[in-house]
mmCIF file of all heavy atoms, coordinates in Angstrom:
data_MODEL
# 
_entry.id   MODEL 
# 
loop_
_atom_site.group_PDB 
_atom_site.id 
_atom_site.type_symbol 
_atom_site.label_atom_id 
_atom_site.label_alt_id 
_atom_site.label_comp_id 
_atom_site.label_asym_id 
_atom_site.label_entity_id 
_atom_site.label_seq_id 
_atom_site.pdbx_PDB_ins_code 
_atom_site.Cartn_x 
_atom_site.Cartn_y 
_atom_site.Cartn_z 
_atom_site.occupancy 
_atom_site.B_iso_or_equiv 
_atom_site.pdbx_formal_charge 
_atom_site.auth_seq_id 
_atom_site.auth_comp_id 
_atom_site.auth_asym_id 
_atom_site.auth_atom_id 
_atom_site.pdbx_PDB_model_num 
ATOM 1   N N   . VAL A 1 1  ? -59.449 -76.747 -59.029 1.00 0.00 ? 1  VAL A N   1 
ATOM 2   C CA  . VAL A 1 1  ? -60.853 -76.335 -59.259 1.00 0.00 ? 1  VAL A CA  1 
ATOM 3   C C   . VAL A 1 1  ? -61.555 -77.517 -60.076 1.00 0.00 ? 1  VAL A C   1 
ATOM 4   O O   . VAL A 1 1  ? -62.685 -77.749 -59.720 1.00 0.00 ? 1  VAL A O   1 
ATOM 5   C CB  . VAL A 1 1  ? -60.911 -75.128 -60.094 1.00 0.00 ? 1  VAL A CB  1 
ATOM 6   C CG1 . VAL A 1 1  ? -62.266 -74.796 -60.568 1.00 0.00 ? 1  VAL A CG1 1 
ATOM 7   C CG2 . VAL A 1 1  ? -60.396 -73.870 -59.228 1.00 0.00 ? 1  VAL A CG2 1 
ATOM 8   N N   . MET A 1 2  ? -60.895 -78.135 -60.891 1.00 0.00 ? 2  MET A N   1 
ATOM 9   C CA  . MET A 1 2  ? -61.489 -79.238 -61.721 1.00 0.00 ? 2  MET A CA  1 
ATOM 10  C C   . MET A 1 2  ? -61.966 -80.307 -60.766 1.00 0.00 ? 2  MET A C   1 
ATOM 11  O O   . MET A 1 2  ? -63.033 -80.754 -60.796 1.00 0.00 ? 2  MET A O   1 
ATOM 12  C CB  . MET A 1 2  ? -60.461 -79.755 -62.611 1.00 0.00 ? 2  MET A CB  1 
ATOM 13  C CG  . MET A 1 2  ? -60.977 -80.999 -63.467 1.00 0.00 ? 2  MET A CG  1 
ATOM 14  S SD  . MET A 1 2  ? -59.661 -81.866 -64.411 1.00 0.00 ? 2  MET A SD  1 
ATOM 15  C CE  . MET A 1 2  ? -58.764 -82.559 -63.062 1.00 0.00 ? 2  MET A CE  1 
ATOM 16  N N   . PHE A 1 3  ? -61.122 -80.646 -59.729 1.00 0.00 ? 3  PHE A N   1 
ATOM 17  C CA  . PHE A 1 3  ? -61.578 -81.698 -58.817 1.00 0.00 ? 3  PHE A CA  1 
ATOM 18  C C   . PHE A 1 3  ? -62.612 -81.203 -57.880 1.00 0.00 ? 3  PHE A C   1 
ATOM 19  O O   . PHE A 1 3  ? -63.617 -81.941 -57.613 1.00 0.00 ? 3  PHE A O   1 
ATOM 20  C CB  . PHE A 1 3  ? -60.346 -82.170 -57.972 1.00 0.00 ? 3  PHE A CB  1 
ATOM 21  C CG  . PHE A 1 3  ? -59.436 -83.076 -58.876 1.00 0.00 ? 3  PHE A CG  1 
ATOM 22  C CD1 . PHE A 1 3  ? -58.026 -82.774 -58.831 1.00 0.00 ? 3  PHE A CD1 1 
ATOM 23  C CD2 . PHE A 1 3  ? -59.822 -84.142 -59.447 1.00 0.00 ? 3  PHE A CD2 1 
ATOM 24  C CE1 . PHE A 1 3  ? -57.195 -83.557 -59.570 1.00 0.00 ? 3  PHE A CE1 1 
ATOM 25  C CE2 . PHE A 1 3  ? -58.901 -85.006 -60.149 1.00 0.00 ? 3  PHE A CE2 1 
ATOM 26  C CZ  . PHE A 1 3  ? -57.637 -84.664 -60.287 1.00 0.00 ? 3  PHE A CZ  1 
ATOM 27  N N   . GLU A 1 4  ? -62.534 -80.001 -57.428 1.00 0.00 ? 4  GLU A N   1 
ATOM 28  C CA  . GLU A 1 4  ? -63.495 -79.392 -56.525 1.00 0.00 ? 4  GLU A CA  1 
ATOM 29  C C   . GLU A 1 4  ? -64.919 -79.333 -57.045 1.00 0.00 ? 4  GLU A C   1 
ATOM 30  O O   . GLU A 1 4  ? -65.920 -79.359 -56.299 1.00 0.00 ? 4  GLU A O   1 
ATOM 31  C CB  . GLU A 1 4  ? -62.935 -78.045 -56.043 1.00 0.00 ? 4  GLU A CB  1 
ATOM 32  C CG  . GLU A 1 4  ? -61.839 -77.995 -55.130 1.00 0.00 ? 4  GLU A CG  1 
ATOM 33  C CD  . GLU A 1 4  ? -61.449 -76.661 -54.744 1.00 0.00 ? 4  GLU A CD  1 
ATOM 34  O OE1 . GLU A 1 4  ? -61.755 -75.703 -55.399 1.00 0.00 ? 4  GLU A OE1 1 
ATOM 35  O OE2 . GLU A 1 4  ? -60.663 -76.575 -53.653 1.00 0.00 ? 4  GLU A OE2 1 
ATOM 36  N N   . THR A 1 5  ? -65.012 -79.160 -58.410 1.00 0.00 ? 5  THR A N   1 
ATOM 37  C CA  . THR A 1 5  ? -66.337 -78.917 -58.994 1.00 0.00 ? 5  THR A CA  1 
ATOM 38  C C   . THR A 1 5  ? -66.960 -80.225 -59.536 1.00 0.00 ? 5  THR A C   1 
ATOM 39  O O   . THR A 1 5  ? -68.010 -80.179 -60.090 1.00 0.00 ? 5  THR A O   1 
ATOM 40  C CB  . THR A 1 5  ? -66.237 -77.900 -60.154 1.00 0.00 ? 5  THR A CB  1 
ATOM 41  O OG1 . THR A 1 5  ? -65.269 -78.408 -61.050 1.00 0.00 ? 5  THR A OG1 1 
ATOM 42  C CG2 . THR A 1 5  ? -65.782 -76.494 -59.640 1.00 0.00 ? 5  THR A CG2 1 
ATOM 43  N N   . LEU A 1 6  ? -66.328 -81.415 -59.167 1.00 0.00 ? 6  LEU A N   1 
ATOM 44  C CA  . LEU A 1 6  ? -66.932 -82.719 -59.601 1.00 0.00 ? 6  LEU A CA  1 
ATOM 45  C C   . LEU A 1 6  ? -68.067 -82.909 -58.612 1.00 0.00 ? 6  LEU A C   1 
ATOM 46  O O   . LEU A 1 6  ? -68.291 -82.233 -57.510 1.00 0.00 ? 6  LEU A O   1 
ATOM 47  C CB  . LEU A 1 6  ? -65.918 -83.817 -59.428 1.00 0.00 ? 6  LEU A CB  1 
ATOM 48  C CG  . LEU A 1 6  ? -64.732 -83.817 -60.337 1.00 0.00 ? 6  LEU A CG  1 
ATOM 49  C CD1 . LEU A 1 6  ? -63.746 -84.916 -59.971 1.00 0.00 ? 6  LEU A CD1 1 
ATOM 50  C CD2 . LEU A 1 6  ? -65.256 -84.078 -61.731 1.00 0.00 ? 6  LEU A CD2 1 
ATOM 51  N N   . SER A 1 7  ? -69.012 -83.744 -59.019 1.00 0.00 ? 7  SER A N   1 
ATOM 52  C CA  . SER A 1 7  ? -70.112 -84.129 -58.214 1.00 0.00 ? 7  SER A CA  1 
ATOM 53  C C   . SER A 1 7  ? -69.684 -84.768 -56.911 1.00 0.00 ? 7  SER A C   1 
ATOM 54  O O   . SER A 1 7  ? -68.985 -85.843 -56.959 1.00 0.00 ? 7  SER A O   1 
ATOM 55  C CB  . SER A 1 7  ? -71.019 -85.128 -58.963 1.00 0.00 ? 7  SER A CB  1 
ATOM 56  O OG  . SER A 1 7  ? -71.983 -85.628 -58.094 1.00 0.00 ? 7  SER A OG  1 
ATOM 57  N N   . PRO A 1 8  ? -69.972 -84.215 -55.765 1.00 0.00 ? 8  PRO A N   1 
ATOM 58  C CA  . PRO A 1 8  ? -69.563 -84.896 -54.393 1.00 0.00 ? 8  PRO A CA  1 
ATOM 59  C C   . PRO A 1 8  ? -70.281 -86.142 -54.164 1.00 0.00 ? 8  PRO A C   1 
ATOM 60  O O   . PRO A 1 8  ? -69.707 -86.964 -53.414 1.00 0.00 ? 8  PRO A O   1 
ATOM 61  C CB  . PRO A 1 8  ? -69.976 -83.734 -53.446 1.00 0.00 ? 8  PRO A CB  1 
ATOM 62  C CG  . PRO A 1 8  ? -71.041 -82.972 -54.061 1.00 0.00 ? 8  PRO A CG  1 
ATOM 63  C CD  . PRO A 1 8  ? -70.750 -82.974 -55.439 1.00 0.00 ? 8  PRO A CD  1 
ATOM 64  N N   . GLU A 1 9  ? -71.490 -86.267 -54.740 1.00 0.00 ? 9  GLU A N   1 
ATOM 65  C CA  . GLU A 1 9  ? -72.175 -87.615 -54.587 1.00 0.00 ? 9  GLU A CA  1 
ATOM 66  C C   . GLU A 1 9  ? -71.419 -88.755 -55.221 1.00 0.00 ? 9  GLU A C   1 
ATOM 67  O O   . GLU A 1 9  ? -71.341 -89.793 -54.738 1.00 0.00 ? 9  GLU A O   1 
ATOM 68  C CB  . GLU A 1 9  ? -73.609 -87.526 -55.116 1.00 0.00 ? 9  GLU A CB  1 
ATOM 69  C CG  . GLU A 1 9  ? -74.482 -86.578 -54.235 1.00 0.00 ? 9  GLU A CG  1 
ATOM 70  C CD  . GLU A 1 9  ? -74.231 -85.138 -54.493 1.00 0.00 ? 9  GLU A CD  1 
ATOM 71  O OE1 . GLU A 1 9  ? -73.689 -84.871 -55.576 1.00 0.00 ? 9  GLU A OE1 1 
ATOM 72  O OE2 . GLU A 1 9  ? -74.600 -84.292 -53.607 1.00 0.00 ? 9  GLU A OE2 1 
ATOM 73  N N   . ARG A 1 10 ? -70.933 -88.461 -56.422 1.00 0.00 ? 10 ARG A N   1 
ATOM 74  C CA  . ARG A 1 10 ? -70.178 -89.591 -57.194 1.00 0.00 ? 10 ARG A CA  1 
ATOM 75  C C   . ARG A 1 10 ? -68.799 -89.555 -57.093 1.00 0.00 ? 10 ARG A C   1 
ATOM 76  O O   . ARG A 1 10 ? -68.163 -90.715 -56.918 1.00 0.00 ? 10 ARG A O   1 
ATOM 77  C CB  . ARG A 1 10 ? -70.496 -89.328 -58.714 1.00 0.00 ? 10 ARG A CB  1 
ATOM 78  C CG  . ARG A 1 10 ? -69.906 -90.391 -59.661 1.00 0.00 ? 10 ARG A CG  1 
ATOM 79  C CD  . ARG A 1 10 ? -70.331 -90.271 -61.142 1.00 0.00 ? 10 ARG A CD  1 
ATOM 80  N NE  . ARG A 1 10 ? -69.890 -91.306 -61.873 1.00 0.00 ? 10 ARG A NE  1 
ATOM 81  C CZ  . ARG A 1 10 ? -70.162 -91.438 -63.152 1.00 0.00 ? 10 ARG A CZ  1 
ATOM 82  N NH1 . ARG A 1 10 ? -70.893 -90.424 -63.878 1.00 0.00 ? 10 ARG A NH1 1 
ATOM 83  N NH2 . ARG A 1 10 ? -69.605 -92.408 -63.965 1.00 0.00 ? 10 ARG A NH2 1 
ATOM 84  N N   . TYR A 1 11 ? -68.166 -88.538 -56.726 1.00 0.00 ? 11 TYR A N   1 
ATOM 85  C CA  . TYR A 1 11 ? -66.649 -88.372 -56.558 1.00 0.00 ? 11 TYR A CA  1 
ATOM 86  C C   . TYR A 1 11 ? -66.271 -87.700 -55.249 1.00 0.00 ? 11 TYR A C   1 
ATOM 87  O O   . TYR A 1 11 ? -65.497 -86.901 -55.171 1.00 0.00 ? 11 TYR A O   1 
ATOM 88  C CB  . TYR A 1 11 ? -66.032 -87.640 -57.705 1.00 0.00 ? 11 TYR A CB  1 
ATOM 89  C CG  . TYR A 1 11 ? -66.284 -88.146 -59.138 1.00 0.00 ? 11 TYR A CG  1 
ATOM 90  C CD1 . TYR A 1 11 ? -67.220 -87.561 -59.991 1.00 0.00 ? 11 TYR A CD1 1 
ATOM 91  C CD2 . TYR A 1 11 ? -65.735 -89.417 -59.430 1.00 0.00 ? 11 TYR A CD2 1 
ATOM 92  C CE1 . TYR A 1 11 ? -67.435 -88.179 -61.251 1.00 0.00 ? 11 TYR A CE1 1 
ATOM 93  C CE2 . TYR A 1 11 ? -66.060 -90.069 -60.739 1.00 0.00 ? 11 TYR A CE2 1 
ATOM 94  C CZ  . TYR A 1 11 ? -66.895 -89.367 -61.525 1.00 0.00 ? 11 TYR A CZ  1 
ATOM 95  O OH  . TYR A 1 11 ? -67.096 -89.929 -62.852 1.00 0.00 ? 11 TYR A OH  1 
ATOM 96  N N   . GLY A 1 12 ? -66.865 -88.142 -54.150 1.00 0.00 ? 12 GLY A N   1 
ATOM 97  C CA  . GLY A 1 12 ? -66.711 -87.594 -52.903 1.00 0.00 ? 12 GLY A CA  1 
ATOM 98  C C   . GLY A 1 12 ? -65.249 -87.545 -52.404 1.00 0.00 ? 12 GLY A C   1 
ATOM 99  O O   . GLY A 1 12 ? -64.734 -86.561 -51.906 1.00 0.00 ? 12 GLY A O   1 
ATOM 100 N N   . HIS A 1 13 ? -64.485 -88.644 -52.659 1.00 0.00 ? 13 HIS A N   1 
ATOM 101 C CA  . HIS A 1 13 ? -63.179 -88.628 -52.306 1.00 0.00 ? 13 HIS A CA  1 
ATOM 102 C C   . HIS A 1 13 ? -62.285 -87.793 -53.098 1.00 0.00 ? 13 HIS A C   1 
ATOM 103 O O   . HIS A 1 13 ? -61.211 -87.185 -52.621 1.00 0.00 ? 13 HIS A O   1 
ATOM 104 C CB  . HIS A 1 13 ? -62.729 -90.157 -52.262 1.00 0.00 ? 13 HIS A CB  1 
ATOM 105 C CG  . HIS A 1 13 ? -63.271 -91.076 -51.275 1.00 0.00 ? 13 HIS A CG  1 
ATOM 106 N ND1 . HIS A 1 13 ? -62.915 -90.831 -49.908 1.00 0.00 ? 13 HIS A ND1 1 
ATOM 107 C CD2 . HIS A 1 13 ? -64.194 -92.005 -51.328 1.00 0.00 ? 13 HIS A CD2 1 
ATOM 108 C CE1 . HIS A 1 13 ? -63.658 -91.748 -49.197 1.00 0.00 ? 13 HIS A CE1 1 
ATOM 109 N NE2 . HIS A 1 13 ? -64.436 -92.439 -50.060 1.00 0.00 ? 13 HIS A NE2 1 
ATOM 110 N N   . LEU A 1 14 ? -62.552 -87.638 -54.374 1.00 0.00 ? 14 LEU A N   1 
ATOM 111 C CA  . LEU A 1 14 ? -61.754 -86.792 -55.194 1.00 0.00 ? 14 LEU A CA  1 
ATOM 112 C C   . LEU A 1 14 ? -61.983 -85.348 -54.886 1.00 0.00 ? 14 LEU A C   1 
ATOM 113 O O   . LEU A 1 14 ? -60.949 -84.559 -54.749 1.00 0.00 ? 14 LEU A O   1 
ATOM 114 C CB  . LEU A 1 14 ? -62.239 -86.987 -56.725 1.00 0.00 ? 14 LEU A CB  1 
ATOM 115 C CG  . LEU A 1 14 ? -61.665 -88.217 -57.462 1.00 0.00 ? 14 LEU A CG  1 
ATOM 116 C CD1 . LEU A 1 14 ? -62.399 -88.210 -58.823 1.00 0.00 ? 14 LEU A CD1 1 
ATOM 117 C CD2 . LEU A 1 14 ? -60.163 -87.991 -57.621 1.00 0.00 ? 14 LEU A CD2 1 
ATOM 118 N N   . VAL A 1 15 ? -63.159 -84.997 -54.535 1.00 0.00 ? 15 VAL A N   1 
ATOM 119 C CA  . VAL A 1 15 ? -63.445 -83.604 -54.042 1.00 0.00 ? 15 VAL A CA  1 
ATOM 120 C C   . VAL A 1 15 ? -62.775 -83.309 -52.805 1.00 0.00 ? 15 VAL A C   1 
ATOM 121 O O   . VAL A 1 15 ? -62.089 -82.298 -52.586 1.00 0.00 ? 15 VAL A O   1 
ATOM 122 C CB  . VAL A 1 15 ? -65.000 -83.409 -53.927 1.00 0.00 ? 15 VAL A CB  1 
ATOM 123 C CG1 . VAL A 1 15 ? -65.272 -82.041 -53.260 1.00 0.00 ? 15 VAL A CG1 1 
ATOM 124 C CG2 . VAL A 1 15 ? -65.742 -83.572 -55.306 1.00 0.00 ? 15 VAL A CG2 1 
ATOM 125 N N   . LYS A 1 16 ? -62.776 -84.300 -51.819 1.00 0.00 ? 16 LYS A N   1 
ATOM 126 C CA  . LYS A 1 16 ? -62.124 -84.020 -50.552 1.00 0.00 ? 16 LYS A CA  1 
ATOM 127 C C   . LYS A 1 16 ? -60.684 -83.885 -50.659 1.00 0.00 ? 16 LYS A C   1 
ATOM 128 O O   . LYS A 1 16 ? -60.002 -83.219 -49.964 1.00 0.00 ? 16 LYS A O   1 
ATOM 129 C CB  . LYS A 1 16 ? -62.465 -85.287 -49.628 1.00 0.00 ? 16 LYS A CB  1 
ATOM 130 C CG  . LYS A 1 16 ? -62.002 -85.115 -48.366 1.00 0.00 ? 16 LYS A CG  1 
ATOM 131 C CD  . LYS A 1 16 ? -62.449 -86.198 -47.411 1.00 0.00 ? 16 LYS A CD  1 
ATOM 132 C CE  . LYS A 1 16 ? -61.983 -86.119 -45.943 1.00 0.00 ? 16 LYS A CE  1 
ATOM 133 N NZ  . LYS A 1 16 ? -62.356 -87.323 -45.203 1.00 0.00 ? 16 LYS A NZ  1 
ATOM 134 N N   . ALA A 1 17 ? -60.059 -84.686 -51.612 1.00 0.00 ? 17 ALA A N   1 
ATOM 135 C CA  . ALA A 1 17 ? -58.566 -84.706 -51.818 1.00 0.00 ? 17 ALA A CA  1 
ATOM 136 C C   . ALA A 1 17 ? -58.120 -83.624 -52.900 1.00 0.00 ? 17 ALA A C   1 
ATOM 137 O O   . ALA A 1 17 ? -56.990 -83.721 -53.307 1.00 0.00 ? 17 ALA A O   1 
ATOM 138 C CB  . ALA A 1 17 ? -58.124 -86.042 -52.195 1.00 0.00 ? 17 ALA A CB  1 
ATOM 139 N N   . ALA A 1 18 ? -59.050 -82.749 -53.373 1.00 0.00 ? 18 ALA A N   1 
ATOM 140 C CA  . ALA A 1 18 ? -58.734 -81.863 -54.503 1.00 0.00 ? 18 ALA A CA  1 
ATOM 141 C C   . ALA A 1 18 ? -57.415 -81.082 -54.297 1.00 0.00 ? 18 ALA A C   1 
ATOM 142 O O   . ALA A 1 18 ? -56.536 -81.100 -55.129 1.00 0.00 ? 18 ALA A O   1 
ATOM 143 C CB  . ALA A 1 18 ? -59.888 -80.864 -54.667 1.00 0.00 ? 18 ALA A CB  1 
ATOM 144 N N   . THR A 1 19 ? -57.312 -80.555 -53.067 1.00 0.00 ? 19 THR A N   1 
ATOM 145 C CA  . THR A 1 19 ? -56.024 -79.685 -52.819 1.00 0.00 ? 19 THR A CA  1 
ATOM 146 C C   . THR A 1 19 ? -54.761 -80.520 -52.868 1.00 0.00 ? 19 THR A C   1 
ATOM 147 O O   . THR A 1 19 ? -53.742 -80.178 -53.420 1.00 0.00 ? 19 THR A O   1 
ATOM 148 C CB  . THR A 1 19 ? -56.086 -79.027 -51.432 1.00 0.00 ? 19 THR A CB  1 
ATOM 149 O OG1 . THR A 1 19 ? -57.306 -78.102 -51.425 1.00 0.00 ? 19 THR A OG1 1 
ATOM 150 C CG2 . THR A 1 19 ? -54.837 -78.201 -51.133 1.00 0.00 ? 19 THR A CG2 1 
ATOM 151 N N   . ALA A 1 20 ? -54.902 -81.782 -52.232 1.00 0.00 ? 20 ALA A N   1 
ATOM 152 C CA  . ALA A 1 20 ? -53.668 -82.695 -52.184 1.00 0.00 ? 20 ALA A CA  1 
ATOM 153 C C   . ALA A 1 20 ? -53.398 -83.144 -53.573 1.00 0.00 ? 20 ALA A C   1 
ATOM 154 O O   . ALA A 1 20 ? -52.191 -83.205 -53.956 1.00 0.00 ? 20 ALA A O   1 
ATOM 155 C CB  . ALA A 1 20 ? -53.946 -83.841 -51.180 1.00 0.00 ? 20 ALA A CB  1 
ATOM 156 N N   . LEU A 1 21 ? -54.420 -83.542 -54.400 1.00 0.00 ? 21 LEU A N   1 
ATOM 157 C CA  . LEU A 1 21 ? -54.126 -83.961 -55.701 1.00 0.00 ? 21 LEU A CA  1 
ATOM 158 C C   . LEU A 1 21 ? -53.617 -82.934 -56.585 1.00 0.00 ? 21 LEU A C   1 
ATOM 159 O O   . LEU A 1 21 ? -52.862 -83.192 -57.625 1.00 0.00 ? 21 LEU A O   1 
ATOM 160 C CB  . LEU A 1 21 ? -55.514 -84.555 -56.359 1.00 0.00 ? 21 LEU A CB  1 
ATOM 161 C CG  . LEU A 1 21 ? -55.955 -85.872 -55.674 1.00 0.00 ? 21 LEU A CG  1 
ATOM 162 C CD1 . LEU A 1 21 ? -57.325 -86.037 -56.289 1.00 0.00 ? 21 LEU A CD1 1 
ATOM 163 C CD2 . LEU A 1 21 ? -55.030 -86.963 -56.022 1.00 0.00 ? 21 LEU A CD2 1 
ATOM 164 N N   . ALA A 1 22 ? -53.867 -81.662 -56.325 1.00 0.00 ? 22 ALA A N   1 
ATOM 165 C CA  . ALA A 1 22 ? -53.490 -80.488 -57.178 1.00 0.00 ? 22 ALA A CA  1 
ATOM 166 C C   . ALA A 1 22 ? -52.114 -79.845 -56.587 1.00 0.00 ? 22 ALA A C   1 
ATOM 167 O O   . ALA A 1 22 ? -51.899 -78.725 -56.900 1.00 0.00 ? 22 ALA A O   1 
ATOM 168 C CB  . ALA A 1 22 ? -54.464 -79.492 -57.322 1.00 0.00 ? 22 ALA A CB  1 
ATOM 169 N N   . SER A 1 23 ? -51.415 -80.635 -55.846 1.00 0.00 ? 23 SER A N   1 
ATOM 170 C CA  . SER A 1 23 ? -50.156 -80.058 -55.245 1.00 0.00 ? 23 SER A CA  1 
ATOM 171 C C   . SER A 1 23 ? -48.976 -80.964 -55.797 1.00 0.00 ? 23 SER A C   1 
ATOM 172 O O   . SER A 1 23 ? -49.140 -82.130 -56.161 1.00 0.00 ? 23 SER A O   1 
ATOM 173 C CB  . SER A 1 23 ? -50.143 -80.091 -53.758 1.00 0.00 ? 23 SER A CB  1 
ATOM 174 O OG  . SER A 1 23 ? -50.162 -81.401 -53.277 1.00 0.00 ? 23 SER A OG  1 
ATOM 175 N N   . ILE A 1 24 ? -47.790 -80.393 -55.713 1.00 0.00 ? 24 ILE A N   1 
ATOM 176 C CA  . ILE A 1 24 ? -46.626 -81.052 -56.154 1.00 0.00 ? 24 ILE A CA  1 
ATOM 177 C C   . ILE A 1 24 ? -45.677 -81.134 -55.031 1.00 0.00 ? 24 ILE A C   1 
ATOM 178 O O   . ILE A 1 24 ? -45.086 -80.090 -54.605 1.00 0.00 ? 24 ILE A O   1 
ATOM 179 C CB  . ILE A 1 24 ? -45.854 -80.428 -57.384 1.00 0.00 ? 24 ILE A CB  1 
ATOM 180 C CG1 . ILE A 1 24 ? -46.793 -80.502 -58.610 1.00 0.00 ? 24 ILE A CG1 1 
ATOM 181 C CG2 . ILE A 1 24 ? -44.501 -81.080 -57.705 1.00 0.00 ? 24 ILE A CG2 1 
ATOM 182 C CD1 . ILE A 1 24 ? -46.168 -79.838 -59.899 1.00 0.00 ? 24 ILE A CD1 1 
ATOM 183 N N   . ASP A 1 25 ? -45.501 -82.309 -54.457 1.00 0.00 ? 25 ASP A N   1 
ATOM 184 C CA  . ASP A 1 25 ? -44.622 -82.438 -53.347 1.00 0.00 ? 25 ASP A CA  1 
ATOM 185 C C   . ASP A 1 25 ? -43.318 -83.144 -53.793 1.00 0.00 ? 25 ASP A C   1 
ATOM 186 O O   . ASP A 1 25 ? -43.241 -84.245 -54.099 1.00 0.00 ? 25 ASP A O   1 
ATOM 187 C CB  . ASP A 1 25 ? -45.236 -83.312 -52.265 1.00 0.00 ? 25 ASP A CB  1 
ATOM 188 C CG  . ASP A 1 25 ? -44.513 -83.405 -50.987 1.00 0.00 ? 25 ASP A CG  1 
ATOM 189 O OD1 . ASP A 1 25 ? -43.329 -82.957 -51.045 1.00 0.00 ? 25 ASP A OD1 1 
ATOM 190 O OD2 . ASP A 1 25 ? -45.034 -83.885 -49.992 1.00 0.00 ? 25 ASP A OD2 1 
ATOM 191 N N   . GLU A 1 26 ? -42.347 -82.372 -53.841 1.00 0.00 ? 26 GLU A N   1 
ATOM 192 C CA  . GLU A 1 26 ? -41.010 -82.838 -54.222 1.00 0.00 ? 26 GLU A CA  1 
ATOM 193 C C   . GLU A 1 26 ? -40.024 -82.825 -53.146 1.00 0.00 ? 26 GLU A C   1 
ATOM 194 O O   . GLU A 1 26 ? -38.726 -82.769 -53.288 1.00 0.00 ? 26 GLU A O   1 
ATOM 195 C CB  . GLU A 1 26 ? -40.409 -81.999 -55.454 1.00 0.00 ? 26 GLU A CB  1 
ATOM 196 C CG  . GLU A 1 26 ? -41.287 -82.044 -56.722 1.00 0.00 ? 26 GLU A CG  1 
ATOM 197 C CD  . GLU A 1 26 ? -40.739 -81.177 -57.882 1.00 0.00 ? 26 GLU A CD  1 
ATOM 198 O OE1 . GLU A 1 26 ? -39.948 -80.339 -57.572 1.00 0.00 ? 26 GLU A OE1 1 
ATOM 199 O OE2 . GLU A 1 26 ? -41.181 -81.441 -59.023 1.00 0.00 ? 26 GLU A OE2 1 
ATOM 200 N N   . SER A 1 27 ? -40.484 -82.848 -51.964 1.00 0.00 ? 27 SER A N   1 
ATOM 201 C CA  . SER A 1 27 ? -39.589 -83.024 -50.726 1.00 0.00 ? 27 SER A CA  1 
ATOM 202 C C   . SER A 1 27 ? -38.886 -84.279 -50.658 1.00 0.00 ? 27 SER A C   1 
ATOM 203 O O   . SER A 1 27 ? -39.272 -85.196 -51.197 1.00 0.00 ? 27 SER A O   1 
ATOM 204 C CB  . SER A 1 27 ? -40.515 -82.691 -49.460 1.00 0.00 ? 27 SER A CB  1 
ATOM 205 O OG  . SER A 1 27 ? -41.366 -83.795 -49.288 1.00 0.00 ? 27 SER A OG  1 
ATOM 206 N N   . ASP A 1 28 ? -37.800 -84.237 -49.758 1.00 0.00 ? 28 ASP A N   1 
ATOM 207 C CA  . ASP A 1 28 ? -37.111 -85.461 -49.547 1.00 0.00 ? 28 ASP A CA  1 
ATOM 208 C C   . ASP A 1 28 ? -37.990 -86.538 -48.888 1.00 0.00 ? 28 ASP A C   1 
ATOM 209 O O   . ASP A 1 28 ? -37.907 -87.718 -49.226 1.00 0.00 ? 28 ASP A O   1 
ATOM 210 C CB  . ASP A 1 28 ? -35.901 -85.149 -48.543 1.00 0.00 ? 28 ASP A CB  1 
ATOM 211 C CG  . ASP A 1 28 ? -34.920 -84.359 -49.140 1.00 0.00 ? 28 ASP A CG  1 
ATOM 212 O OD1 . ASP A 1 28 ? -34.925 -84.220 -50.462 1.00 0.00 ? 28 ASP A OD1 1 
ATOM 213 O OD2 . ASP A 1 28 ? -34.079 -83.794 -48.320 1.00 0.00 ? 28 ASP A OD2 1 
ATOM 214 N N   . ALA A 1 29 ? -38.978 -86.233 -48.085 1.00 0.00 ? 29 ALA A N   1 
ATOM 215 C CA  . ALA A 1 29 ? -39.882 -87.082 -47.481 1.00 0.00 ? 29 ALA A CA  1 
ATOM 216 C C   . ALA A 1 29 ? -40.742 -87.798 -48.559 1.00 0.00 ? 29 ALA A C   1 
ATOM 217 O O   . ALA A 1 29 ? -41.030 -88.974 -48.538 1.00 0.00 ? 29 ALA A O   1 
ATOM 218 C CB  . ALA A 1 29 ? -40.732 -86.394 -46.403 1.00 0.00 ? 29 ALA A CB  1 
# 
């Protein structure tokens, strides 16, 4: 939510990647 509510004009890439940035991938890959 923190990333999603950032200004899309200033932090467009952060907003777009919000879900990926807020996930924990501990898979072998």
